[in-house]
């Protein structure tokens, strides 16, 4: 369904992206923000699903500045390799690339970001710092608690797993306390990565419920 495209960030860096368009007239647009595993099979599938729901969807390859075209699976070795991109993370560069993705679809109509893992943190920061958004959704963003003093400029929904070994509930409590303006859901049986059906931590009931909540949230806020 989708195709690979090229985006240009504000500093003239050119990065790859995966874009999927709906079969009929689009109702709005979604920027899908990757995990640390690149714009891999799972992220492309998520992008395709948003297109099936009627959105123009684009997933920028935010690691292209370090290793163009990087993508991986979820073995322990691959996870260790992917984590190198966060040592340390270049958040400002990632946000420039996400802004380029937003700008590429603003002609369609309202735009939302939906991010996972590292992308979940970036989706939150996009809501606080970037322009051209109407809503944002972040899944299990591990660095959100450190940035929770920042106020989103658009409606924002956050999903966390109660059994996430990388995001303690004390961090979720910080986010809840500081960001009462966000809609926050915690899933009792969910670990980190619970929404990815290609990971061992996938939890279908939690993923389905979070997916329904995300779809309803986007339908509510992505209106022209």
N, C-alpha and C. Protein backbone atom coordinates (compact mmCIF):
# COMPACT_ATOMS: atom_id res chain seq x y z
N UNK A 1 0.82 -1.20 0.00
CA UNK A 1 0.00 0.00 0.00
C UNK A 1 0.86 1.25 0.00
N UNK A 2 1.93 1.24 0.80
CA UNK A 2 2.73 2.44 0.97
C UNK A 2 3.87 2.55 -0.01
N UNK A 3 4.59 3.66 0.11
CA UNK A 3 5.75 3.89 -0.74
C UNK A 3 6.81 4.65 0.05
N UNK A 4 8.05 4.50 -0.36
CA UNK A 4 9.13 5.21 0.28
C UNK A 4 9.28 6.59 -0.37
N UNK A 5 9.39 7.61 0.46
CA UNK A 5 9.50 8.98 -0.02
C UNK A 5 10.67 9.65 0.68
N UNK A 6 11.00 10.84 0.24
CA UNK A 6 12.08 11.62 0.85
C UNK A 6 11.52 12.91 1.41
N UNK A 7 11.93 13.24 2.63
CA UNK A 7 11.53 14.48 3.29
C UNK A 7 12.76 15.36 3.46
N UNK A 8 12.54 16.66 3.57
CA UNK A 8 13.63 17.61 3.80
C UNK A 8 13.36 18.39 5.07
N UNK A 9 14.26 18.29 6.03
CA UNK A 9 14.11 18.99 7.30
C UNK A 9 14.54 20.45 7.17
N UNK A 10 14.33 21.21 8.22
CA UNK A 10 14.60 22.65 8.18
C UNK A 10 16.08 22.97 8.02
N UNK A 11 16.95 22.02 8.38
CA UNK A 11 18.39 22.23 8.19
C UNK A 11 18.87 21.63 6.87
N UNK A 12 17.88 21.34 5.98
CA UNK A 12 18.14 20.81 4.64
C UNK A 12 18.61 19.35 4.63
N UNK A 13 18.57 18.69 5.77
CA UNK A 13 18.88 17.25 5.77
C UNK A 13 17.74 16.49 5.10
N UNK A 14 18.09 15.56 4.25
CA UNK A 14 17.09 14.74 3.57
C UNK A 14 17.03 13.37 4.22
N UNK A 15 15.84 12.97 4.60
CA UNK A 15 15.64 11.69 5.26
C UNK A 15 14.57 10.89 4.53
N UNK A 16 14.64 9.60 4.71
CA UNK A 16 13.62 8.74 4.13
C UNK A 16 12.37 8.70 4.99
N UNK A 17 11.29 8.23 4.41
CA UNK A 17 10.04 8.06 5.13
C UNK A 17 9.20 7.04 4.37
N UNK A 18 8.26 6.45 5.09
CA UNK A 18 7.30 5.53 4.48
C UNK A 18 5.94 6.19 4.55
N UNK A 19 5.29 6.33 3.40
CA UNK A 19 4.00 7.01 3.33
C UNK A 19 2.95 6.07 2.75
N UNK A 20 1.79 6.07 3.39
CA UNK A 20 0.65 5.30 2.91
C UNK A 20 -0.55 6.22 2.78
N UNK A 21 -1.26 6.12 1.64
CA UNK A 21 -2.43 6.95 1.38
C UNK A 21 -3.69 6.10 1.36
N UNK A 22 -4.80 6.64 1.83
CA UNK A 22 -6.05 5.88 1.82
C UNK A 22 -6.57 5.69 0.41
N UNK A 23 -7.47 4.73 0.27
CA UNK A 23 -8.05 4.44 -1.04
C UNK A 23 -8.93 5.58 -1.54
N UNK A 24 -9.60 6.25 -0.61
CA UNK A 24 -10.49 7.36 -0.97
C UNK A 24 -9.93 8.68 -0.51
N UNK A 25 -10.74 9.72 -0.55
CA UNK A 25 -10.29 11.03 -0.07
C UNK A 25 -9.87 10.97 1.39
N UNK A 26 -8.72 11.52 1.75
CA UNK A 26 -8.26 11.45 3.14
C UNK A 26 -9.08 12.36 4.04
N UNK A 27 -9.25 11.91 5.28
CA UNK A 27 -9.99 12.74 6.24
C UNK A 27 -9.05 13.57 7.11
N UNK A 28 -7.78 13.19 7.18
CA UNK A 28 -6.78 13.92 7.96
C UNK A 28 -5.45 13.19 7.76
N UNK A 29 -4.45 13.50 8.60
CA UNK A 29 -3.14 12.88 8.44
C UNK A 29 -2.57 12.48 9.79
N UNK A 30 -1.74 11.43 9.77
CA UNK A 30 -1.08 10.93 10.97
C UNK A 30 0.40 10.74 10.68
N UNK A 31 1.24 11.29 11.54
CA UNK A 31 2.68 11.03 11.48
C UNK A 31 2.99 9.94 12.50
N UNK A 32 3.47 8.81 12.02
CA UNK A 32 3.79 7.66 12.88
C UNK A 32 5.27 7.76 13.26
N UNK A 33 5.56 7.76 14.55
CA UNK A 33 6.93 7.92 15.01
C UNK A 33 7.44 6.58 15.53
N UNK A 34 8.51 6.13 14.94
CA UNK A 34 9.07 4.82 15.15
C UNK A 34 9.55 4.56 16.58
N UNK A 35 9.71 3.26 16.88
CA UNK A 35 10.46 2.83 18.05
C UNK A 35 11.96 2.96 17.72
N UNK A 36 12.81 2.41 18.56
CA UNK A 36 14.24 2.46 18.29
C UNK A 36 14.65 1.49 17.18
N UNK A 37 13.70 0.76 16.64
CA UNK A 37 14.01 -0.27 15.65
C UNK A 37 13.85 0.20 14.21
N UNK A 38 13.72 1.49 14.03
CA UNK A 38 13.63 2.05 12.69
C UNK A 38 12.24 1.93 12.10
N UNK A 39 12.12 2.34 10.86
CA UNK A 39 10.84 2.20 10.15
C UNK A 39 10.81 0.78 9.59
N UNK A 40 10.60 -0.17 10.49
CA UNK A 40 10.68 -1.58 10.14
C UNK A 40 9.31 -2.12 9.73
N UNK A 41 9.22 -3.41 9.60
CA UNK A 41 7.98 -4.04 9.14
C UNK A 41 6.79 -3.64 10.00
N UNK A 42 6.97 -3.63 11.32
CA UNK A 42 5.87 -3.29 12.22
C UNK A 42 5.41 -1.84 12.03
N UNK A 43 6.35 -0.91 11.96
CA UNK A 43 5.97 0.49 11.81
C UNK A 43 5.31 0.73 10.45
N UNK A 44 5.80 0.06 9.44
CA UNK A 44 5.14 0.18 8.13
C UNK A 44 3.72 -0.37 8.19
N UNK A 45 3.53 -1.47 8.92
CA UNK A 45 2.18 -2.04 9.06
C UNK A 45 1.26 -1.10 9.82
N UNK A 46 1.77 -0.45 10.86
CA UNK A 46 0.98 0.54 11.60
C UNK A 46 0.59 1.69 10.67
N UNK A 47 1.54 2.14 9.87
CA UNK A 47 1.27 3.23 8.93
C UNK A 47 0.20 2.82 7.93
N UNK A 48 0.30 1.59 7.42
CA UNK A 48 -0.71 1.08 6.50
C UNK A 48 -2.09 1.03 7.14
N UNK A 49 -2.14 0.65 8.41
CA UNK A 49 -3.45 0.56 9.08
C UNK A 49 -4.10 1.93 9.24
N UNK A 50 -3.30 2.94 9.52
CA UNK A 50 -3.88 4.28 9.59
C UNK A 50 -4.42 4.71 8.22
N UNK A 51 -3.73 4.33 7.15
CA UNK A 51 -4.24 4.64 5.81
C UNK A 51 -5.56 3.91 5.56
N UNK A 52 -5.67 2.69 6.04
CA UNK A 52 -6.92 1.94 5.89
C UNK A 52 -8.06 2.59 6.65
N UNK A 53 -7.72 3.35 7.68
CA UNK A 53 -8.73 4.07 8.46
C UNK A 53 -9.09 5.42 7.84
N UNK A 54 -8.45 5.76 6.72
CA UNK A 54 -8.80 6.97 6.01
C UNK A 54 -7.83 8.12 6.15
N UNK A 55 -6.68 7.87 6.80
CA UNK A 55 -5.69 8.93 6.99
C UNK A 55 -4.54 8.80 6.00
N UNK A 56 -4.00 9.92 5.58
CA UNK A 56 -2.66 9.90 4.99
C UNK A 56 -1.70 9.68 6.15
N UNK A 57 -0.84 8.68 6.05
CA UNK A 57 0.06 8.36 7.16
C UNK A 57 1.50 8.33 6.66
N UNK A 58 2.39 8.93 7.43
CA UNK A 58 3.80 8.97 7.04
C UNK A 58 4.67 8.70 8.25
N UNK A 59 5.68 7.85 8.08
CA UNK A 59 6.59 7.49 9.16
C UNK A 59 8.00 7.92 8.79
N UNK A 60 8.50 9.01 9.38
CA UNK A 60 9.85 9.47 9.05
C UNK A 60 10.91 8.57 9.66
N UNK A 61 11.99 8.36 8.92
CA UNK A 61 13.11 7.53 9.40
C UNK A 61 14.06 8.41 10.20
N UNK A 62 13.78 8.56 11.47
CA UNK A 62 14.49 9.56 12.27
C UNK A 62 15.92 9.14 12.65
N UNK A 63 16.34 7.92 12.31
CA UNK A 63 17.72 7.52 12.53
C UNK A 63 18.57 7.67 11.26
N UNK A 64 17.99 8.21 10.20
CA UNK A 64 18.74 8.35 8.95
C UNK A 64 19.97 9.25 9.11
N UNK A 65 19.93 10.14 10.07
CA UNK A 65 21.09 11.01 10.28
C UNK A 65 22.30 10.23 10.77
N UNK A 66 22.06 9.10 11.40
CA UNK A 66 23.15 8.28 11.94
C UNK A 66 23.44 7.07 11.04
N UNK A 67 22.37 6.37 10.66
CA UNK A 67 22.53 5.20 9.80
C UNK A 67 21.33 5.12 8.85
N UNK A 68 21.47 5.63 7.64
CA UNK A 68 20.35 5.65 6.69
C UNK A 68 19.78 4.26 6.45
N UNK A 69 18.45 4.20 6.49
CA UNK A 69 17.75 2.95 6.19
C UNK A 69 17.78 1.93 7.29
N UNK A 70 18.22 2.29 8.49
CA UNK A 70 18.31 1.31 9.57
C UNK A 70 16.92 0.78 9.95
N UNK A 71 16.84 -0.53 10.09
CA UNK A 71 15.67 -1.16 10.69
C UNK A 71 16.10 -2.51 11.24
N UNK A 72 15.39 -2.97 12.25
CA UNK A 72 15.77 -4.24 12.87
C UNK A 72 14.55 -4.93 13.45
N UNK A 73 14.80 -6.14 13.92
CA UNK A 73 13.78 -6.91 14.63
C UNK A 73 13.93 -6.73 16.12
N UNK A 74 13.56 -7.76 16.89
CA UNK A 74 13.41 -7.59 18.33
C UNK A 74 14.17 -8.62 19.16
N UNK A 75 15.20 -9.24 18.57
CA UNK A 75 16.03 -10.14 19.36
C UNK A 75 16.84 -9.33 20.36
N UNK A 76 17.39 -10.00 21.37
CA UNK A 76 18.18 -9.29 22.38
C UNK A 76 19.38 -8.59 21.74
N UNK A 77 19.99 -9.23 20.74
CA UNK A 77 21.13 -8.63 20.06
C UNK A 77 20.70 -7.38 19.29
N UNK A 78 19.55 -7.46 18.63
CA UNK A 78 19.05 -6.32 17.86
C UNK A 78 18.63 -5.18 18.77
N UNK A 79 18.04 -5.51 19.90
CA UNK A 79 17.66 -4.48 20.87
C UNK A 79 18.90 -3.74 21.37
N UNK A 80 19.96 -4.49 21.67
CA UNK A 80 21.20 -3.87 22.15
C UNK A 80 21.79 -2.95 21.09
N UNK A 81 21.74 -3.38 19.83
CA UNK A 81 22.26 -2.55 18.75
C UNK A 81 21.43 -1.29 18.58
N UNK A 82 20.10 -1.43 18.63
CA UNK A 82 19.21 -0.29 18.43
C UNK A 82 19.36 0.74 19.54
N UNK A 83 19.64 0.28 20.74
CA UNK A 83 19.77 1.21 21.86
C UNK A 83 20.96 2.15 21.71
N UNK A 84 21.90 1.80 20.86
CA UNK A 84 23.06 2.67 20.65
C UNK A 84 22.65 4.03 20.09
N UNK A 85 21.50 4.06 19.40
CA UNK A 85 21.04 5.32 18.83
C UNK A 85 20.60 6.31 19.92
N UNK A 86 20.42 5.81 21.14
CA UNK A 86 19.97 6.66 22.24
C UNK A 86 21.10 7.00 23.19
N UNK A 87 22.32 6.89 22.76
CA UNK A 87 23.46 7.08 23.64
C UNK A 87 24.40 8.18 23.10
N UNK A 88 24.00 9.46 23.28
CA UNK A 88 22.70 9.94 23.78
C UNK A 88 21.75 10.18 22.62
N UNK A 89 20.46 10.34 22.88
CA UNK A 89 19.52 10.63 21.79
C UNK A 89 19.64 12.07 21.33
N UNK A 90 19.55 12.28 20.03
CA UNK A 90 19.55 13.64 19.49
C UNK A 90 18.09 14.05 19.28
N UNK A 91 17.48 14.49 20.35
CA UNK A 91 16.05 14.79 20.33
C UNK A 91 15.75 15.98 19.42
N UNK A 92 16.60 16.99 19.44
CA UNK A 92 16.34 18.16 18.60
C UNK A 92 16.33 17.77 17.12
N UNK A 93 17.27 16.94 16.71
CA UNK A 93 17.31 16.50 15.32
C UNK A 93 16.08 15.66 14.98
N UNK A 94 15.69 14.78 15.90
CA UNK A 94 14.50 13.95 15.66
C UNK A 94 13.27 14.82 15.50
N UNK A 95 13.16 15.87 16.30
CA UNK A 95 12.00 16.75 16.20
C UNK A 95 12.02 17.54 14.89
N UNK A 96 13.20 17.90 14.42
CA UNK A 96 13.26 18.55 13.10
C UNK A 96 12.74 17.61 12.01
N UNK A 97 13.10 16.35 12.12
CA UNK A 97 12.66 15.39 11.11
C UNK A 97 11.16 15.12 11.22
N UNK A 98 10.65 15.09 12.44
CA UNK A 98 9.20 14.92 12.62
C UNK A 98 8.45 16.14 12.09
N UNK A 99 9.01 17.33 12.32
CA UNK A 99 8.38 18.54 11.77
C UNK A 99 8.32 18.48 10.26
N UNK A 100 9.38 17.95 9.64
CA UNK A 100 9.37 17.80 8.17
C UNK A 100 8.24 16.87 7.74
N UNK A 101 8.00 15.81 8.50
CA UNK A 101 6.91 14.89 8.18
C UNK A 101 5.55 15.58 8.35
N UNK A 102 5.41 16.35 9.42
CA UNK A 102 4.16 17.09 9.63
C UNK A 102 3.92 18.05 8.47
N UNK A 103 4.96 18.79 8.11
CA UNK A 103 4.82 19.77 7.03
C UNK A 103 4.45 19.12 5.71
N UNK A 104 4.88 17.88 5.52
CA UNK A 104 4.64 17.20 4.24
C UNK A 104 3.18 16.80 4.04
N UNK A 105 2.40 16.82 5.14
CA UNK A 105 1.00 16.37 5.02
C UNK A 105 0.00 17.42 5.49
N UNK A 106 0.44 18.62 5.81
CA UNK A 106 -0.50 19.63 6.32
C UNK A 106 -1.54 20.02 5.27
N UNK A 107 -1.22 19.86 4.01
CA UNK A 107 -2.19 20.21 2.96
C UNK A 107 -3.40 19.27 2.98
N UNK A 108 -3.24 18.13 3.62
CA UNK A 108 -4.34 17.14 3.68
C UNK A 108 -5.44 17.61 4.63
N UNK A 109 -5.02 18.25 5.73
CA UNK A 109 -5.96 18.65 6.76
C UNK A 109 -5.29 18.55 8.12
N UNK A 110 -6.04 18.38 9.20
CA UNK A 110 -5.45 18.28 10.53
C UNK A 110 -4.46 17.11 10.61
N UNK A 111 -3.44 17.29 11.45
CA UNK A 111 -2.37 16.29 11.57
C UNK A 111 -2.19 15.90 13.03
N UNK A 112 -1.98 14.60 13.26
CA UNK A 112 -1.64 14.09 14.59
C UNK A 112 -0.34 13.33 14.51
N UNK A 113 0.36 13.23 15.64
CA UNK A 113 1.48 12.31 15.76
C UNK A 113 1.06 11.15 16.64
N UNK A 114 1.51 9.96 16.28
CA UNK A 114 1.31 8.76 17.09
C UNK A 114 2.66 8.06 17.17
N UNK A 115 3.22 7.95 18.38
CA UNK A 115 4.56 7.40 18.52
C UNK A 115 4.63 6.28 19.53
N UNK A 116 5.66 5.44 19.37
CA UNK A 116 5.81 4.23 20.18
C UNK A 116 7.23 4.16 20.76
N UNK A 117 7.32 3.84 22.06
CA UNK A 117 8.63 3.68 22.71
C UNK A 117 9.37 5.02 22.66
N UNK A 118 10.57 5.09 22.09
CA UNK A 118 11.24 6.38 21.90
C UNK A 118 10.32 7.34 21.16
N UNK A 119 9.59 6.82 20.19
CA UNK A 119 8.63 7.64 19.45
C UNK A 119 7.49 8.13 20.32
N UNK A 120 7.18 7.40 21.40
CA UNK A 120 6.15 7.86 22.33
C UNK A 120 6.59 9.12 23.06
N UNK A 121 7.86 9.13 23.47
CA UNK A 121 8.42 10.34 24.07
C UNK A 121 8.42 11.48 23.06
N UNK A 122 8.83 11.18 21.84
CA UNK A 122 8.88 12.23 20.81
C UNK A 122 7.49 12.74 20.45
N UNK A 123 6.48 11.88 20.51
CA UNK A 123 5.12 12.33 20.24
C UNK A 123 4.68 13.34 21.31
N UNK A 124 5.06 13.07 22.56
CA UNK A 124 4.75 14.02 23.63
C UNK A 124 5.47 15.34 23.40
N UNK A 125 6.76 15.26 23.07
CA UNK A 125 7.53 16.49 22.84
C UNK A 125 7.06 17.22 21.59
N UNK A 126 6.61 16.48 20.60
CA UNK A 126 6.04 17.13 19.41
C UNK A 126 4.83 17.96 19.81
N UNK A 127 4.03 17.43 20.73
CA UNK A 127 2.84 18.15 21.19
C UNK A 127 3.20 19.42 21.94
N UNK A 128 4.37 19.42 22.58
CA UNK A 128 4.77 20.60 23.37
C UNK A 128 5.57 21.61 22.55
N UNK A 129 6.25 21.15 21.48
CA UNK A 129 7.23 22.03 20.83
C UNK A 129 6.98 22.32 19.35
N UNK A 130 6.29 21.43 18.67
CA UNK A 130 6.20 21.58 17.21
C UNK A 130 4.94 22.31 16.78
N UNK A 131 4.91 22.70 15.53
CA UNK A 131 3.78 23.44 14.98
C UNK A 131 3.01 22.54 14.01
N UNK A 132 1.76 22.92 13.79
CA UNK A 132 0.97 22.23 12.77
C UNK A 132 0.26 20.98 13.23
N UNK A 133 0.21 20.75 14.53
CA UNK A 133 -0.46 19.56 15.05
C UNK A 133 -1.84 19.89 15.60
N UNK A 134 -2.72 18.88 15.53
CA UNK A 134 -4.04 19.00 16.13
C UNK A 134 -4.21 18.07 17.32
N UNK A 135 -3.36 17.03 17.41
CA UNK A 135 -3.45 16.07 18.50
C UNK A 135 -2.20 15.21 18.49
N UNK A 136 -1.96 14.49 19.61
CA UNK A 136 -0.80 13.61 19.68
C UNK A 136 -1.09 12.45 20.61
N UNK A 137 -0.52 11.28 20.27
CA UNK A 137 -0.70 10.07 21.08
C UNK A 137 0.66 9.42 21.27
N UNK A 138 1.01 9.11 22.52
CA UNK A 138 2.28 8.46 22.80
C UNK A 138 2.08 7.15 23.53
N UNK A 139 2.73 6.11 23.03
CA UNK A 139 2.71 4.80 23.67
C UNK A 139 4.04 4.56 24.39
N UNK A 140 3.95 4.24 25.67
CA UNK A 140 5.07 3.86 26.54
C UNK A 140 6.37 4.62 26.23
N UNK A 141 6.27 5.94 26.34
CA UNK A 141 7.43 6.81 26.17
C UNK A 141 8.22 6.90 27.46
N UNK A 142 9.43 6.36 27.46
CA UNK A 142 10.20 6.24 28.69
C UNK A 142 10.79 7.52 29.22
N UNK A 143 10.86 8.56 28.40
CA UNK A 143 11.46 9.82 28.85
C UNK A 143 10.43 10.92 29.08
N UNK A 144 9.16 10.57 29.04
CA UNK A 144 8.13 11.59 29.22
C UNK A 144 8.18 12.18 30.62
N UNK A 145 8.44 11.34 31.63
CA UNK A 145 8.45 11.85 33.00
C UNK A 145 9.49 12.95 33.18
N UNK A 146 10.63 12.84 32.49
CA UNK A 146 11.68 13.85 32.61
C UNK A 146 11.28 15.17 31.95
N UNK A 147 10.31 15.11 31.06
CA UNK A 147 9.89 16.31 30.33
C UNK A 147 8.47 16.74 30.70
N UNK A 148 7.95 16.19 31.79
CA UNK A 148 6.54 16.39 32.10
C UNK A 148 6.19 17.81 32.52
N UNK A 149 7.20 18.65 32.75
CA UNK A 149 6.91 20.05 33.04
C UNK A 149 6.51 20.82 31.78
N UNK A 150 6.79 20.25 30.62
CA UNK A 150 6.41 20.89 29.37
C UNK A 150 4.92 20.68 29.11
N UNK A 151 4.26 21.74 28.68
CA UNK A 151 2.81 21.69 28.49
C UNK A 151 2.46 21.45 27.02
N UNK A 152 1.72 20.39 26.72
CA UNK A 152 1.29 20.18 25.33
C UNK A 152 0.40 21.32 24.84
N UNK A 153 0.59 21.67 23.58
CA UNK A 153 -0.22 22.72 22.97
C UNK A 153 -1.47 22.15 22.30
N UNK A 154 -1.57 20.84 22.24
CA UNK A 154 -2.71 20.17 21.59
C UNK A 154 -3.18 19.03 22.47
N UNK A 155 -4.41 18.53 22.28
CA UNK A 155 -4.87 17.38 23.05
C UNK A 155 -3.91 16.20 22.91
N UNK A 156 -3.57 15.59 24.03
CA UNK A 156 -2.55 14.54 24.06
C UNK A 156 -3.03 13.35 24.88
N UNK A 157 -2.85 12.15 24.32
CA UNK A 157 -3.19 10.90 24.99
C UNK A 157 -1.92 10.07 25.16
N UNK A 158 -1.76 9.48 26.34
CA UNK A 158 -0.58 8.67 26.63
C UNK A 158 -1.00 7.29 27.14
N UNK A 159 -0.31 6.26 26.64
CA UNK A 159 -0.57 4.87 27.04
C UNK A 159 0.66 4.29 27.73
N UNK A 160 0.46 3.64 28.88
CA UNK A 160 1.54 2.99 29.61
C UNK A 160 1.12 1.59 30.05
N UNK A 161 2.12 0.72 30.21
CA UNK A 161 1.86 -0.61 30.73
C UNK A 161 2.24 -0.70 32.19
N UNK A 162 1.36 -1.27 33.01
CA UNK A 162 1.62 -1.37 34.45
C UNK A 162 2.84 -2.24 34.75
N UNK A 163 3.11 -3.21 33.87
CA UNK A 163 4.22 -4.14 34.09
C UNK A 163 5.44 -3.81 33.25
N UNK A 164 5.53 -2.58 32.79
CA UNK A 164 6.66 -2.14 31.98
C UNK A 164 7.91 -2.06 32.86
N UNK A 165 8.89 -2.92 32.57
CA UNK A 165 10.10 -2.96 33.39
C UNK A 165 10.96 -1.72 33.19
N UNK A 166 10.76 -1.01 32.09
CA UNK A 166 11.58 0.16 31.81
C UNK A 166 10.96 1.48 32.22
N UNK A 167 9.67 1.47 32.52
CA UNK A 167 8.99 2.70 32.94
C UNK A 167 8.27 2.41 34.25
N UNK A 168 8.88 2.69 35.39
CA UNK A 168 8.23 2.40 36.68
C UNK A 168 6.95 3.21 36.85
N UNK A 169 6.04 2.65 37.62
CA UNK A 169 4.79 3.35 37.86
C UNK A 169 5.01 4.69 38.56
N UNK A 170 6.13 4.81 39.28
CA UNK A 170 6.43 6.10 39.90
C UNK A 170 6.63 7.18 38.83
N UNK A 171 7.19 6.79 37.67
CA UNK A 171 7.31 7.75 36.56
C UNK A 171 5.95 8.10 35.99
N UNK A 172 5.09 7.10 35.85
CA UNK A 172 3.74 7.35 35.35
C UNK A 172 3.00 8.29 36.30
N UNK A 173 3.20 8.08 37.60
CA UNK A 173 2.57 8.94 38.59
C UNK A 173 3.05 10.39 38.46
N UNK A 174 4.32 10.58 38.14
CA UNK A 174 4.85 11.93 37.92
C UNK A 174 4.13 12.58 36.74
N UNK A 175 3.99 11.81 35.67
CA UNK A 175 3.31 12.34 34.49
C UNK A 175 1.86 12.68 34.82
N UNK A 176 1.19 11.80 35.53
CA UNK A 176 -0.20 12.06 35.91
C UNK A 176 -0.31 13.33 36.76
N UNK A 177 0.62 13.49 37.70
CA UNK A 177 0.55 14.64 38.61
C UNK A 177 0.81 15.95 37.87
N UNK A 178 1.77 15.93 36.96
CA UNK A 178 2.16 17.16 36.27
C UNK A 178 1.33 17.45 35.04
N UNK A 179 0.73 16.43 34.47
CA UNK A 179 0.05 16.62 33.20
C UNK A 179 -1.40 16.15 33.30
N UNK A 180 -2.14 16.80 34.17
CA UNK A 180 -3.56 16.49 34.29
C UNK A 180 -4.32 16.92 33.04
N UNK A 181 -3.65 17.70 32.17
CA UNK A 181 -4.27 18.12 30.91
C UNK A 181 -4.17 17.04 29.84
N UNK A 182 -3.46 15.96 30.12
CA UNK A 182 -3.36 14.84 29.18
C UNK A 182 -4.31 13.71 29.57
N UNK A 183 -4.74 12.96 28.59
CA UNK A 183 -5.52 11.74 28.84
C UNK A 183 -4.53 10.59 28.97
N UNK A 184 -4.50 9.96 30.16
CA UNK A 184 -3.48 8.94 30.44
C UNK A 184 -4.15 7.61 30.79
N UNK A 185 -3.73 6.54 30.11
CA UNK A 185 -4.26 5.21 30.36
C UNK A 185 -3.12 4.29 30.78
N UNK A 186 -3.38 3.46 31.79
CA UNK A 186 -2.42 2.45 32.23
C UNK A 186 -3.09 1.09 32.11
N UNK A 187 -2.38 0.13 31.50
CA UNK A 187 -2.95 -1.18 31.18
C UNK A 187 -2.37 -2.22 32.14
N UNK A 188 -3.22 -2.83 32.99
CA UNK A 188 -2.75 -3.67 34.10
C UNK A 188 -1.86 -4.84 33.69
N UNK A 189 -2.13 -5.46 32.56
CA UNK A 189 -1.38 -6.66 32.18
C UNK A 189 -0.31 -6.39 31.12
N UNK A 190 0.00 -5.13 30.89
CA UNK A 190 0.84 -4.77 29.75
C UNK A 190 2.28 -4.49 30.16
N UNK A 191 3.20 -5.01 29.33
CA UNK A 191 4.61 -4.72 29.45
C UNK A 191 5.00 -3.67 28.41
N UNK A 192 6.29 -3.35 28.39
CA UNK A 192 6.78 -2.43 27.37
C UNK A 192 6.60 -3.07 25.99
N UNK A 193 6.15 -2.26 25.03
CA UNK A 193 5.95 -2.79 23.68
C UNK A 193 4.69 -3.59 23.51
N UNK A 194 3.73 -3.43 24.41
CA UNK A 194 2.53 -4.28 24.39
C UNK A 194 1.70 -4.13 23.13
N UNK A 195 1.88 -3.04 22.39
CA UNK A 195 1.07 -2.81 21.20
C UNK A 195 1.64 -3.45 19.94
N UNK A 196 2.87 -3.95 20.01
CA UNK A 196 3.55 -4.50 18.83
C UNK A 196 3.34 -6.00 18.74
N UNK A 197 2.62 -6.43 17.72
CA UNK A 197 2.31 -7.86 17.59
C UNK A 197 3.48 -8.69 17.09
N UNK A 198 4.64 -8.08 16.94
CA UNK A 198 5.84 -8.82 16.55
C UNK A 198 6.82 -8.98 17.72
N UNK A 199 6.40 -8.53 18.89
CA UNK A 199 7.26 -8.63 20.08
C UNK A 199 6.69 -9.63 21.07
N UNK A 200 7.58 -10.23 21.84
CA UNK A 200 7.14 -11.21 22.84
C UNK A 200 6.25 -10.57 23.90
N UNK A 201 6.39 -9.26 24.09
CA UNK A 201 5.61 -8.55 25.10
C UNK A 201 4.22 -8.15 24.60
N UNK A 202 3.87 -8.51 23.39
CA UNK A 202 2.56 -8.14 22.84
C UNK A 202 1.44 -8.66 23.73
N UNK A 203 0.50 -7.77 24.04
CA UNK A 203 -0.68 -8.16 24.81
C UNK A 203 -1.91 -7.70 24.04
N UNK A 204 -2.57 -8.64 23.39
CA UNK A 204 -3.64 -8.29 22.47
C UNK A 204 -4.78 -7.52 23.12
N UNK A 205 -5.29 -7.94 24.29
CA UNK A 205 -6.38 -7.15 24.89
C UNK A 205 -5.99 -5.69 25.15
N UNK A 206 -4.79 -5.49 25.68
CA UNK A 206 -4.34 -4.12 25.93
C UNK A 206 -4.14 -3.36 24.63
N UNK A 207 -3.54 -4.03 23.65
CA UNK A 207 -3.29 -3.39 22.36
C UNK A 207 -4.60 -3.01 21.68
N UNK A 208 -5.58 -3.90 21.73
CA UNK A 208 -6.87 -3.62 21.10
C UNK A 208 -7.57 -2.45 21.78
N UNK A 209 -7.53 -2.43 23.11
CA UNK A 209 -8.19 -1.34 23.84
C UNK A 209 -7.48 -0.01 23.58
N UNK A 210 -6.15 -0.03 23.61
CA UNK A 210 -5.40 1.19 23.33
C UNK A 210 -5.64 1.66 21.90
N UNK A 211 -5.73 0.69 20.98
CA UNK A 211 -6.00 1.05 19.59
C UNK A 211 -7.36 1.69 19.40
N UNK A 212 -8.37 1.15 20.08
CA UNK A 212 -9.71 1.73 20.01
C UNK A 212 -9.73 3.14 20.60
N UNK A 213 -9.07 3.30 21.73
CA UNK A 213 -9.01 4.63 22.35
C UNK A 213 -8.28 5.63 21.46
N UNK A 214 -7.21 5.17 20.81
CA UNK A 214 -6.46 6.04 19.91
C UNK A 214 -7.31 6.44 18.71
N UNK A 215 -7.99 5.48 18.11
CA UNK A 215 -8.85 5.78 16.95
C UNK A 215 -9.94 6.77 17.31
N UNK A 216 -10.57 6.57 18.48
CA UNK A 216 -11.64 7.47 18.90
C UNK A 216 -11.09 8.87 19.19
N UNK A 217 -9.91 8.93 19.79
CA UNK A 217 -9.27 10.20 20.11
C UNK A 217 -8.94 10.97 18.84
N UNK A 218 -8.38 10.27 17.85
CA UNK A 218 -8.06 10.93 16.59
C UNK A 218 -9.32 11.38 15.87
N UNK A 219 -10.35 10.53 15.88
CA UNK A 219 -11.60 10.92 15.22
C UNK A 219 -12.20 12.17 15.85
N UNK A 220 -12.01 12.30 17.18
CA UNK A 220 -12.56 13.46 17.88
C UNK A 220 -11.80 14.73 17.56
N UNK A 221 -10.47 14.64 17.44
CA UNK A 221 -9.66 15.85 17.35
C UNK A 221 -9.16 16.18 15.93
N UNK A 222 -9.21 15.22 15.02
CA UNK A 222 -8.76 15.51 13.66
C UNK A 222 -9.95 15.86 12.78
N UNK A 223 -10.53 16.98 13.08
CA UNK A 223 -11.66 17.46 12.31
C UNK A 223 -11.31 18.82 11.74
N UNK A 224 -11.61 18.99 10.47
CA UNK A 224 -11.27 20.25 9.80
C UNK A 224 -12.10 21.40 10.33
